Structures are given as structure tokens and as C-alpha cells.
PDB file of N, CA and C in Angstrom:
ATOM      1  N   MET A   1      64.586 -12.631 177.748  1.00  0.00           N
ATOM      2  CA  MET A   1      64.445 -13.900 177.053  1.00  0.00           C
ATOM      3  C   MET A   1      65.788 -14.619 176.904  1.00  0.00           C
ATOM      4  N   LYS A   2      66.829 -13.887 176.569  1.00  0.00           N
ATOM      5  CA  LYS A   2      68.153 -14.500 176.405  1.00  0.00           C
ATOM      6  C   LYS A   2      68.673 -15.053 177.732  1.00  0.00           C
ATOM      7  N   LYS A   3      68.326 -14.399 178.829  1.00  0.00           N
ATOM      8  CA  LYS A   3      68.773 -14.870 180.143  1.00  0.00           C
ATOM      9  C   LYS A   3      68.171 -16.249 180.440  1.00  0.00           C
ATOM     10  N   GLU A   4      66.883 -16.419 180.129  1.00  0.00           N
ATOM     11  CA  GLU A   4      66.234 -17.703 180.361  1.00  0.00           C
ATOM     12  C   GLU A   4      66.837 -18.788 179.464  1.00  0.00           C
ATOM     13  N   LEU A   5      67.104 -18.436 178.216  1.00  0.00           N
ATOM     14  CA  LEU A   5      67.732 -19.370 177.285  1.00  0.00           C
ATOM     15  C   LEU A   5      69.112 -19.780 177.797  1.00  0.00           C
ATOM     16  N   PHE A   6      69.897 -18.803 178.220  1.00  0.00           N
ATOM     17  CA  PHE A   6      71.226 -19.061 178.768  1.00  0.00           C
ATOM     18  C   PHE A   6      71.136 -20.007 179.971  1.00  0.00           C
ATOM     19  N   GLN A   7      70.237 -19.708 180.905  1.00  0.00           N
ATOM     20  CA  GLN A   7      70.105 -20.527 182.111  1.00  0.00           C
ATOM     21  C   GLN A   7      69.673 -21.958 181.769  1.00  0.00           C
ATOM     22  N   SER A   8      68.794 -22.098 180.797  1.00  0.00           N
ATOM     23  CA  SER A   8      68.347 -23.425 180.369  1.00  0.00           C
ATOM     24  C   SER A   8      69.506 -24.231 179.781  1.00  0.00           C
ATOM     25  N   ILE A   9      70.266 -23.603 178.899  1.00  0.00           N
ATOM     26  CA  ILE A   9      71.415 -24.276 178.284  1.00  0.00           C
ATOM     27  C   ILE A   9      72.434 -24.643 179.357  1.00  0.00           C
ATOM     28  N   LEU A  10      72.723 -23.705 180.253  1.00  0.00           N
ATOM     29  CA  LEU A  10      73.691 -23.943 181.333  1.00  0.00           C
ATOM     30  C   LEU A  10      73.265 -25.134 182.181  1.00  0.00           C
ATOM     31  N   SER A  11      72.012 -25.157 182.617  1.00  0.00           N
ATOM     32  CA  SER A  11      71.575 -26.236 183.512  1.00  0.00           C
ATOM     33  C   SER A  11      71.634 -27.596 182.814  1.00  0.00           C
ATOM     34  N   GLN A  12      71.311 -27.637 181.524  1.00  0.00           N
ATOM     35  CA  GLN A  12      71.377 -28.901 180.790  1.00  0.00           C
ATOM     36  C   GLN A  12      72.816 -29.390 180.629  1.00  0.00           C
ATOM     37  N   ILE A  13      73.736 -28.484 180.375  1.00  0.00           N
ATOM     38  CA  ILE A  13      75.143 -28.866 180.229  1.00  0.00           C
ATOM     39  C   ILE A  13      75.708 -29.318 181.567  1.00  0.00           C
ATOM     40  N   LEU A  14      75.362 -28.620 182.640  1.00  0.00           N
ATOM     41  CA  LEU A  14      75.821 -29.030 183.972  1.00  0.00           C
ATOM     42  C   LEU A  14      75.349 -30.450 184.283  1.00  0.00           C
ATOM     43  N   LYS A  15      74.099 -30.733 183.954  1.00  0.00           N
ATOM     44  CA  LYS A  15      73.541 -32.062 184.208  1.00  0.00           C
ATOM     45  C   LYS A  15      74.244 -33.119 183.365  1.00  0.00           C
ATOM     46  N   LYS A  16      74.464 -32.829 182.088  1.00  0.00           N
ATOM     47  CA  LYS A  16      75.106 -33.799 181.193  1.00  0.00           C
ATOM     48  C   LYS A  16      76.534 -34.122 181.633  1.00  0.00           C
ATOM     49  N   TYR A  17      77.247 -33.102 182.143  1.00  0.00           N
ATOM     50  CA  TYR A  17      78.627 -33.311 182.573  1.00  0.00           C
ATOM     51  C   TYR A  17      78.733 -33.710 184.040  1.00  0.00           C
ATOM     52  N   GLY A  18      77.640 -33.620 184.774  1.00  0.00           N
ATOM     53  CA  GLY A  18      77.655 -33.998 186.185  1.00  0.00           C
ATOM     54  C   GLY A  18      78.519 -33.090 187.037  1.00  0.00           C
ATOM     55  N   ILE A  19      78.491 -31.793 186.720  1.00  0.00           N
ATOM     56  CA  ILE A  19      79.276 -30.833 187.489  1.00  0.00           C
ATOM     57  C   ILE A  19      78.356 -29.739 188.024  1.00  0.00           C
ATOM     58  N   SER A  20      78.854 -29.016 189.019  1.00  0.00           N
ATOM     59  CA  SER A  20      78.095 -27.905 189.583  1.00  0.00           C
ATOM     60  C   SER A  20      78.431 -26.617 188.843  1.00  0.00           C
ATOM     61  N   LYS A  21      77.606 -25.605 189.064  1.00  0.00           N
ATOM     62  CA  LYS A  21      77.881 -24.296 188.457  1.00  0.00           C
ATOM     63  C   LYS A  21      79.201 -23.746 188.989  1.00  0.00           C
ATOM     64  N   GLU A  22      79.472 -23.985 190.266  1.00  0.00           N
ATOM     65  CA  GLU A  22      80.731 -23.516 190.858  1.00  0.00           C
ATOM     66  C   GLU A  22      81.924 -24.149 190.150  1.00  0.00           C
ATOM     67  N   GLU A  23      81.827 -25.455 189.861  1.00  0.00           N
ATOM     68  CA  GLU A  23      82.912 -26.132 189.144  1.00  0.00           C
ATOM     69  C   GLU A  23      83.053 -25.572 187.728  1.00  0.00           C
ATOM     70  N   MET A  24      81.928 -25.344 187.063  1.00  0.00           N
ATOM     71  CA  MET A  24      81.939 -24.802 185.702  1.00  0.00           C
ATOM     72  C   MET A  24      82.667 -23.461 185.654  1.00  0.00           C
ATOM     73  N   TYR A  25      82.466 -22.664 186.680  1.00  0.00           N
ATOM     74  CA  TYR A  25      83.013 -21.313 186.692  1.00  0.00           C
ATOM     75  C   TYR A  25      84.377 -21.200 187.371  1.00  0.00           C
ATOM     76  N   GLU A  26      84.934 -22.325 187.812  1.00  0.00           N
ATOM     77  CA  GLU A  26      86.281 -22.304 188.393  1.00  0.00           C
ATOM     78  C   GLU A  26      87.309 -21.968 187.316  1.00  0.00           C
ATOM     79  N   GLN A  27      88.362 -21.310 187.727  1.00  0.00           N
ATOM     80  CA  GLN A  27      89.475 -21.062 186.809  1.00  0.00           C
ATOM     81  C   GLN A  27      90.347 -22.318 186.813  1.00  0.00           C
ATOM     82  N   THR A  28      89.960 -23.277 185.989  1.00  0.00           N
ATOM     83  CA  THR A  28      90.665 -24.549 185.930  1.00  0.00           C
ATOM     84  C   THR A  28      90.850 -24.972 184.483  1.00  0.00           C
ATOM     85  N   LYS A  29      91.793 -25.863 184.291  1.00  0.00           N
ATOM     86  CA  LYS A  29      92.019 -26.402 182.952  1.00  0.00           C
ATOM     87  C   LYS A  29      91.701 -27.895 182.900  1.00  0.00           C
ATOM     88  N   LEU A  30      90.918 -28.373 183.873  1.00  0.00           N
ATOM     89  CA  LEU A  30      90.492 -29.772 183.834  1.00  0.00           C
ATOM     90  C   LEU A  30      89.678 -30.002 182.562  1.00  0.00           C
ATOM     91  N   PRO A  31      90.017 -31.017 181.776  1.00  0.00           N
ATOM     92  CA  PRO A  31      89.395 -31.206 180.457  1.00  0.00           C
ATOM     93  C   PRO A  31      87.869 -31.246 180.467  1.00  0.00           C
ATOM     94  N   ASP A  32      87.259 -31.966 181.400  1.00  0.00           N
ATOM     95  CA  ASP A  32      85.794 -32.050 181.404  1.00  0.00           C
ATOM     96  C   ASP A  32      85.150 -30.691 181.651  1.00  0.00           C
ATOM     97  N   ILE A  33      85.737 -29.918 182.519  1.00  0.00           N
ATOM     98  CA  ILE A  33      85.169 -28.601 182.822  1.00  0.00           C
ATOM     99  C   ILE A  33      85.384 -27.647 181.657  1.00  0.00           C
ATOM    100  N   VAL A  34      86.556 -27.681 181.071  1.00  0.00           N
ATOM    101  CA  VAL A  34      86.830 -26.840 179.902  1.00  0.00           C
ATOM    102  C   VAL A  34      85.883 -27.215 178.762  1.00  0.00           C
ATOM    103  N   ASN A  35      85.689 -28.507 178.521  1.00  0.00           N
ATOM    104  CA  ASN A  35      84.771 -28.947 177.463  1.00  0.00           C
ATOM    105  C   ASN A  35      83.351 -28.460 177.734  1.00  0.00           C
ATOM    106  N   ALA A  36      82.913 -28.566 178.967  1.00  0.00           N
ATOM    107  CA  ALA A  36      81.567 -28.104 179.321  1.00  0.00           C
ATOM    108  C   ALA A  36      81.440 -26.604 179.092  1.00  0.00           C
ATOM    109  N   ARG A  37      82.450 -25.869 179.492  1.00  0.00           N
ATOM    110  CA  ARG A  37      82.431 -24.410 179.325  1.00  0.00           C
ATOM    111  C   ARG A  37      82.402 -24.034 177.849  1.00  0.00           C
ATOM    112  N   TYR A  38      83.259 -24.657 177.059  1.00  0.00           N
ATOM    113  CA  TYR A  38      83.299 -24.369 175.627  1.00  0.00           C
ATOM    114  C   TYR A  38      81.976 -24.761 174.953  1.00  0.00           C
ATOM    115  N   LEU A  39      81.392 -25.861 175.400  1.00  0.00           N
ATOM    116  CA  LEU A  39      80.110 -26.276 174.863  1.00  0.00           C
ATOM    117  C   LEU A  39      79.033 -25.240 175.195  1.00  0.00           C
ATOM    118  N   LEU A  40      79.064 -24.716 176.396  1.00  0.00           N
ATOM    119  CA  LEU A  40      78.131 -23.654 176.784  1.00  0.00           C
ATOM    120  C   LEU A  40      78.265 -22.463 175.844  1.00  0.00           C
ATOM    121  N   PHE A  41      79.493 -22.015 175.619  1.00  0.00           N
ATOM    122  CA  PHE A  41      79.720 -20.870 174.724  1.00  0.00           C
ATOM    123  C   PHE A  41      79.163 -21.169 173.334  1.00  0.00           C
ATOM    124  N   TYR A  42      79.515 -22.344 172.814  1.00  0.00           N
ATOM    125  CA  TYR A  42      79.133 -22.713 171.453  1.00  0.00           C
ATOM    126  C   TYR A  42      77.612 -22.775 171.292  1.00  0.00           C
ATOM    127  N   VAL A  43      76.946 -23.491 172.177  1.00  0.00           N
ATOM    128  CA  VAL A  43      75.496 -23.662 172.054  1.00  0.00           C
ATOM    129  C   VAL A  43      74.788 -22.321 172.203  1.00  0.00           C
ATOM    130  N   CYS A  44      75.222 -21.511 173.142  1.00  0.00           N
ATOM    131  CA  CYS A  44      74.588 -20.197 173.325  1.00  0.00           C
ATOM    132  C   CYS A  44      74.670 -19.363 172.049  1.00  0.00           C
ATOM    133  N   VAL A  45      75.836 -19.325 171.440  1.00  0.00           N
ATOM    134  CA  VAL A  45      76.004 -18.531 170.221  1.00  0.00           C
ATOM    135  C   VAL A  45      75.206 -19.141 169.069  1.00  0.00           C
ATOM    136  N   MET A  46      75.193 -20.468 168.970  1.00  0.00           N
ATOM    137  CA  MET A  46      74.422 -21.129 167.911  1.00  0.00           C
ATOM    138  C   MET A  46      72.921 -20.883 168.080  1.00  0.00           C
ATOM    139  N   LYS A  47      72.482 -20.643 169.301  1.00  0.00           N
ATOM    140  CA  LYS A  47      71.059 -20.416 169.568  1.00  0.00           C
ATOM    141  C   LYS A  47      70.706 -18.929 169.577  1.00  0.00           C
ATOM    142  N   GLY A  48      71.623 -18.082 169.098  1.00  0.00           N
ATOM    143  CA  GLY A  48      71.285 -16.683 168.880  1.00  0.00           C
ATOM    144  C   GLY A  48      71.716 -15.699 169.942  1.00  0.00           C
ATOM    145  N   ILE A  49      72.501 -16.137 170.896  1.00  0.00           N
ATOM    146  CA  ILE A  49      73.026 -15.202 171.890  1.00  0.00           C
ATOM    147  C   ILE A  49      74.362 -14.683 171.369  1.00  0.00           C
ATOM    148  N   SER A  50      74.492 -13.378 171.209  1.00  0.00           N
ATOM    149  CA  SER A  50      75.745 -12.817 170.697  1.00  0.00           C
ATOM    150  C   SER A  50      76.854 -13.017 171.730  1.00  0.00           C
ATOM    151  N   ILE A  51      78.086 -12.989 171.265  1.00  0.00           N
ATOM    152  CA  ILE A  51      79.220 -13.171 172.169  1.00  0.00           C
ATOM    153  C   ILE A  51      79.248 -12.074 173.226  1.00  0.00           C
ATOM    154  N   SER A  52      78.961 -10.839 172.837  1.00  0.00           N
ATOM    155  CA  SER A  52      78.975  -9.749 173.818  1.00  0.00           C
ATOM    156  C   SER A  52      77.851  -9.922 174.840  1.00  0.00           C
ATOM    157  N   ARG A  53      76.684 -10.388 174.390  1.00  0.00           N
ATOM    158  CA  ARG A  53      75.573 -10.646 175.326  1.00  0.00           C
ATOM    159  C   ARG A  53      75.917 -11.823 176.233  1.00  0.00           C
ATOM    160  N   LEU A  54      76.559 -12.835 175.678  1.00  0.00           N
ATOM    161  CA  LEU A  54      76.989 -13.989 176.469  1.00  0.00           C
ATOM    162  C   LEU A  54      77.954 -13.549 177.569  1.00  0.00           C
ATOM    163  N   GLN A  55      78.870 -12.672 177.220  1.00  0.00           N
ATOM    164  CA  GLN A  55      79.812 -12.155 178.212  1.00  0.00           C
ATOM    165  C   GLN A  55      79.057 -11.477 179.366  1.00  0.00           C
ATOM    166  N   ILE A  56      78.049 -10.686 179.042  1.00  0.00           N
ATOM    167  CA  ILE A  56      77.244  -9.994 180.053  1.00  0.00           C
ATOM    168  C   ILE A  56      76.489 -11.011 180.917  1.00  0.00           C
ATOM    169  N   LEU A  57      75.898 -12.012 180.288  1.00  0.00           N
ATOM    170  CA  LEU A  57      75.158 -13.035 181.030  1.00  0.00           C
ATOM    171  C   LEU A  57      76.067 -13.827 181.954  1.00  0.00           C
ATOM    172  N   LEU A  58      77.255 -14.166 181.472  1.00  0.00           N
ATOM    173  CA  LEU A  58      78.218 -14.877 182.311  1.00  0.00           C
ATOM    174  C   LEU A  58      78.612 -14.028 183.518  1.00  0.00           C
ATOM    175  N   LYS A  59      78.889 -12.756 183.272  1.00  0.00           N
ATOM    176  CA  LYS A  59      79.298 -11.870 184.366  1.00  0.00           C
ATOM    177  C   LYS A  59      78.174 -11.728 185.394  1.00  0.00           C
ATOM    178  N   ALA A  60      76.940 -11.590 184.929  1.00  0.00           N
ATOM    179  CA  ALA A  60      75.792 -11.483 185.833  1.00  0.00           C
ATOM    180  C   ALA A  60      75.612 -12.767 186.643  1.00  0.00           C
ATOM    181  N   ASP A  61      76.085 -13.878 186.092  1.00  0.00           N
ATOM    182  CA  ASP A  61      75.971 -15.170 186.761  1.00  0.00           C
ATOM    183  C   ASP A  61      77.188 -15.471 187.634  1.00  0.00           C
ATOM    184  N   GLY A  62      78.139 -14.530 187.680  1.00  0.00           N
ATOM    185  CA  GLY A  62      79.288 -14.685 188.574  1.00  0.00           C
ATOM    186  C   GLY A  62      80.566 -15.168 187.926  1.00  0.00           C
ATOM    187  N   PHE A  63      80.652 -15.103 186.595  1.00  0.00           N
ATOM    188  CA  PHE A  63      81.836 -15.605 185.912  1.00  0.00           C
ATOM    189  C   PHE A  63      82.332 -14.579 184.903  1.00  0.00           C
ATOM    190  N   SER A  64      83.458 -13.980 185.182  1.00  0.00           N
ATOM    191  CA  SER A  64      84.037 -12.979 184.287  1.00  0.00           C
ATOM    192  C   SER A  64      84.831 -13.674 183.190  1.00  0.00           C
ATOM    193  N   MET A  65      84.542 -13.342 181.950  1.00  0.00           N
ATOM    194  CA  MET A  65      85.194 -13.973 180.806  1.00  0.00           C
ATOM    195  C   MET A  65      85.352 -12.925 179.714  1.00  0.00           C
ATOM    196  N   THR A  66      86.513 -12.904 179.071  1.00  0.00           N
ATOM    197  CA  THR A  66      86.743 -11.927 178.013  1.00  0.00           C
ATOM    198  C   THR A  66      86.158 -12.433 176.689  1.00  0.00           C
ATOM    199  N   ILE A  67      85.859 -11.502 175.811  1.00  0.00           N
ATOM    200  CA  ILE A  67      85.329 -11.863 174.491  1.00  0.00           C
ATOM    201  C   ILE A  67      86.329 -12.719 173.704  1.00  0.00           C
ATOM    202  N   PRO A  68      87.632 -12.383 173.699  1.00  0.00           N
ATOM    203  CA  PRO A  68      88.569 -13.254 172.977  1.00  0.00           C
ATOM    204  C   PRO A  68      88.614 -14.688 173.534  1.00  0.00           C
ATOM    205  N   THR A  69      88.449 -14.847 174.840  1.00  0.00           N
ATOM    206  CA  THR A  69      88.451 -16.179 175.430  1.00  0.00           C
ATOM    207  C   THR A  69      87.191 -16.949 175.031  1.00  0.00           C
ATOM    208  N   ILE A  70      86.061 -16.270 175.013  1.00  0.00           N
ATOM    209  CA  ILE A  70      84.819 -16.911 174.570  1.00  0.00           C
ATOM    210  C   ILE A  70      84.956 -17.331 173.108  1.00  0.00           C
ATOM    211  N   SER A  71      85.487 -16.450 172.271  1.00  0.00           N
ATOM    212  CA  SER A  71      85.687 -16.764 170.849  1.00  0.00           C
ATOM    213  C   SER A  71      86.620 -17.956 170.670  1.00  0.00           C
ATOM    214  N   LYS A  72      87.684 -17.994 171.447  1.00  0.00           N
ATOM    215  CA  LYS A  72      88.633 -19.110 171.396  1.00  0.00           C
ATOM    216  C   LYS A  72      87.932 -20.416 171.764  1.00  0.00           C
ATOM    217  N   GLY A  73      87.083 -20.373 172.775  1.00  0.00           N
ATOM    218  CA  GLY A  73      86.348 -21.555 173.195  1.00  0.00           C
ATOM    219  C   GLY A  73      85.396 -22.050 172.128  1.00  0.00           C
ATOM    220  N   ILE A  74      84.739 -21.124 171.454  1.00  0.00           N
ATOM    221  CA  ILE A  74      83.815 -21.497 170.373  1.00  0.00           C
ATOM    222  C   ILE A  74      84.580 -22.167 169.233  1.00  0.00           C
ATOM    223  N   LYS A  75      85.712 -21.590 168.862  1.00  0.00           N
ATOM    224  CA  LYS A  75      86.528 -22.177 167.789  1.00  0.00           C
ATOM    225  C   LYS A  75      87.039 -23.566 168.179  1.00  0.00           C
ATOM    226  N   ALA A  76      87.444 -23.706 169.433  1.00  0.00           N
ATOM    227  CA  ALA A  76      87.919 -25.011 169.905  1.00  0.00           C
ATOM    228  C   ALA A  76      86.793 -26.042 169.857  1.00  0.00           C
ATOM    229  N   MET A  77      85.587 -25.641 170.233  1.00  0.00           N
ATOM    230  CA  MET A  77      84.457 -26.567 170.202  1.00  0.00           C
ATOM    231  C   MET A  77      84.090 -26.928 168.769  1.00  0.00           C
ATOM    232  N   GLU A  78      84.158 -25.973 167.850  1.00  0.00           N
ATOM    233  CA  GLU A  78      83.892 -26.280 166.439  1.00  0.00           C
ATOM    234  C   GLU A  78      84.835 -27.369 165.945  1.00  0.00           C
ATOM    235  N   LYS A  79      86.100 -27.284 166.334  1.00  0.00           N
ATOM    236  CA  LYS A  79      87.093 -28.282 165.933  1.00  0.00           C
ATOM    237  C   LYS A  79      86.764 -29.639 166.571  1.00  0.00           C
ATOM    238  N   ARG A  80      86.386 -29.625 167.844  1.00  0.00           N
ATOM    239  CA  ARG A  80      86.066 -30.881 168.528  1.00  0.00           C
ATOM    240  C   ARG A  80      84.840 -31.542 167.923  1.00  0.00           C
ATOM    241  N   ILE A  81      83.867 -30.750 167.508  1.00  0.00           N
ATOM    242  CA  ILE A  81      82.658 -31.302 166.890  1.00  0.00           C
ATOM    243  C   ILE A  81      83.015 -32.039 165.605  1.00  0.00           C
ATOM    244  N   LEU A  82      83.929 -31.472 164.822  1.00  0.00           N
ATOM    245  CA  LEU A  82      84.360 -32.120 163.588  1.00  0.00           C
ATOM    246  C   LEU A  82      85.111 -33.424 163.862  1.00  0.00           C
ATOM    247  N   GLU A  83      85.830 -33.472 164.976  1.00  0.00           N
ATOM    248  CA  GLU A  83      86.656 -34.630 165.306  1.00  0.00           C
ATOM    249  C   GLU A  83      85.897 -35.718 166.067  1.00  0.00           C
ATOM    250  N   ASP A  84      84.822 -35.353 166.771  1.00  0.00           N
ATOM    251  CA  ASP A  84      84.131 -36.299 167.647  1.00  0.00           C
ATOM    252  C   ASP A  84      82.615 -36.113 167.530  1.00  0.00           C
ATOM    253  N   ALA A  85      81.946 -37.087 166.930  1.00  0.00           N
ATOM    254  CA  ALA A  85      80.506 -36.998 166.688  1.00  0.00           C
ATOM    255  C   ALA A  85      79.688 -36.942 167.979  1.00  0.00           C
ATOM    256  N   ASP A  86      80.255 -37.371 169.096  1.00  0.00           N
ATOM    257  CA  ASP A  86      79.518 -37.331 170.363  1.00  0.00           C
ATOM    258  C   ASP A  86      79.098 -35.914 170.730  1.00  0.00           C
ATOM    259  N   TYR A  87      79.912 -34.936 170.376  1.00  0.00           N
ATOM    260  CA  TYR A  87      79.550 -33.550 170.682  1.00  0.00           C
ATOM    261  C   TYR A  87      78.290 -33.126 169.935  1.00  0.00           C
ATOM    262  N   SER A  88      78.170 -33.556 168.690  1.00  0.00           N
ATOM    263  CA  SER A  88      76.969 -33.232 167.913  1.00  0.00           C
ATOM    264  C   SER A  88      75.729 -33.821 168.568  1.00  0.00           C
ATOM    265  N   LYS A  89      75.850 -35.042 169.093  1.00  0.00           N
ATOM    266  CA  LYS A  89      74.729 -35.682 169.769  1.00  0.00           C
ATOM    267  C   LYS A  89      74.335 -34.900 171.021  1.00  0.00           C
ATOM    268  N   ILE A  90      75.320 -34.452 171.767  1.00  0.00           N
ATOM    269  CA  ILE A  90      75.043 -33.667 172.976  1.00  0.00           C
ATOM    270  C   ILE A  90      74.338 -32.373 172.601  1.00  0.00           C
ATOM    271  N   ILE A  91      74.841 -31.698 171.584  1.00  0.00           N
ATOM    272  CA  ILE A  91      74.257 -30.427 171.157  1.00  0.00           C
ATOM    273  C   ILE A  91      72.815 -30.635 170.712  1.00  0.00           C
ATOM    274  N   GLN A  92      72.557 -31.680 169.956  1.00  0.00           N
ATOM    275  CA  GLN A  92      71.200 -31.960 169.487  1.00  0.00           C
ATOM    276  C   GLN A  92      70.248 -32.280 170.644  1.00  0.00           C
ATOM    277  N   SER A  93      70.789 -32.830 171.726  1.00  0.00           N
ATOM    278  CA  SER A  93      69.939 -33.222 172.850  1.00  0.00           C
ATOM    279  C   SER A  93      69.581 -32.047 173.759  1.00  0.00           C
ATOM    280  N   ILE A  94      70.239 -30.920 173.569  1.00  0.00           N
ATOM    281  CA  ILE A  94      69.941 -29.754 174.412  1.00  0.00           C
ATOM    282  C   ILE A  94      68.662 -29.089 173.913  1.00  0.00           C
ATOM    283  N   ASN A  95      67.689 -29.050 174.790  1.00  0.00           N
ATOM    284  CA  ASN A  95      66.381 -28.495 174.455  1.00  0.00           C
ATOM    285  C   ASN A  95      66.390 -26.997 174.722  1.00  0.00           C
ATOM    286  N   THR A  96      66.213 -26.219 173.666  1.00  0.00           N
ATOM    287  CA  THR A  96      66.228 -24.768 173.838  1.00  0.00           C
ATOM    288  C   THR A  96      64.861 -24.157 173.536  1.00  0.00           C
ATOM    289  N   ASN A  97      63.828 -24.959 173.530  1.00  0.00           N
ATOM    290  CA  ASN A  97      62.482 -24.432 173.321  1.00  0.00           C
ATOM    291  C   ASN A  97      62.020 -23.750 174.599  1.00  0.00           C
ATOM    292  N   GLN A  98      61.875 -22.457 174.502  1.00  0.00           N
ATOM    293  CA  GLN A  98      61.472 -21.682 175.687  1.00  0.00           C
ATOM    294  C   GLN A  98      60.041 -21.236 175.566  1.00  0.00           C
TER     295      GLN A  98
END
């Protein structure tokens, strides 16, 4: 069930940012890709996927990420949400009804 939820969230974020999964998983610091990645981490955890489970799902999907890096991304997104209301709108628009 968590895998389907993860895939749904991922596909919606990719569509909203207009990027491919390959771009999302690149080791890059381009702001749009980093924001999309951090948003993925944040929404997954907010929807009940634990950080350790998220790490496993990412690895199974071809992207190796450490737990401290995922945690850092979540904290960064929390800060961005407080600073920019557009992130809240994006999060609310993600449909996680499975």
C-alpha cells in the first residue's frame, strides 16, 4: 500500500514540476529539482510513510538517499512552507486517496 501511495505522490509532483523521474533522481542542486525532491519527502512523511520506509521505497525506485538527507529535506521544506504559501497550495492539491 505504501508503495502505491509513494508512486502516486511522486507522479503528481513530477507533473507539477514538469520534470522526469530521471531528473528528480539526478544528483543535482538545481533549485527546482531540489524543491521537488524535498516536497516528495515532506508529503510522503505527512501522509504516513516513515522516513526509513521512504528510504527503502526510494532505493527500490533507483535512488539511494540517506536518512539524514531525507530528514534535512523535510526540515527545509517545512521552512519553505512557512515562508511561501504556494507550497501549501501544492501540497493540498496532491491527491493521496488510494
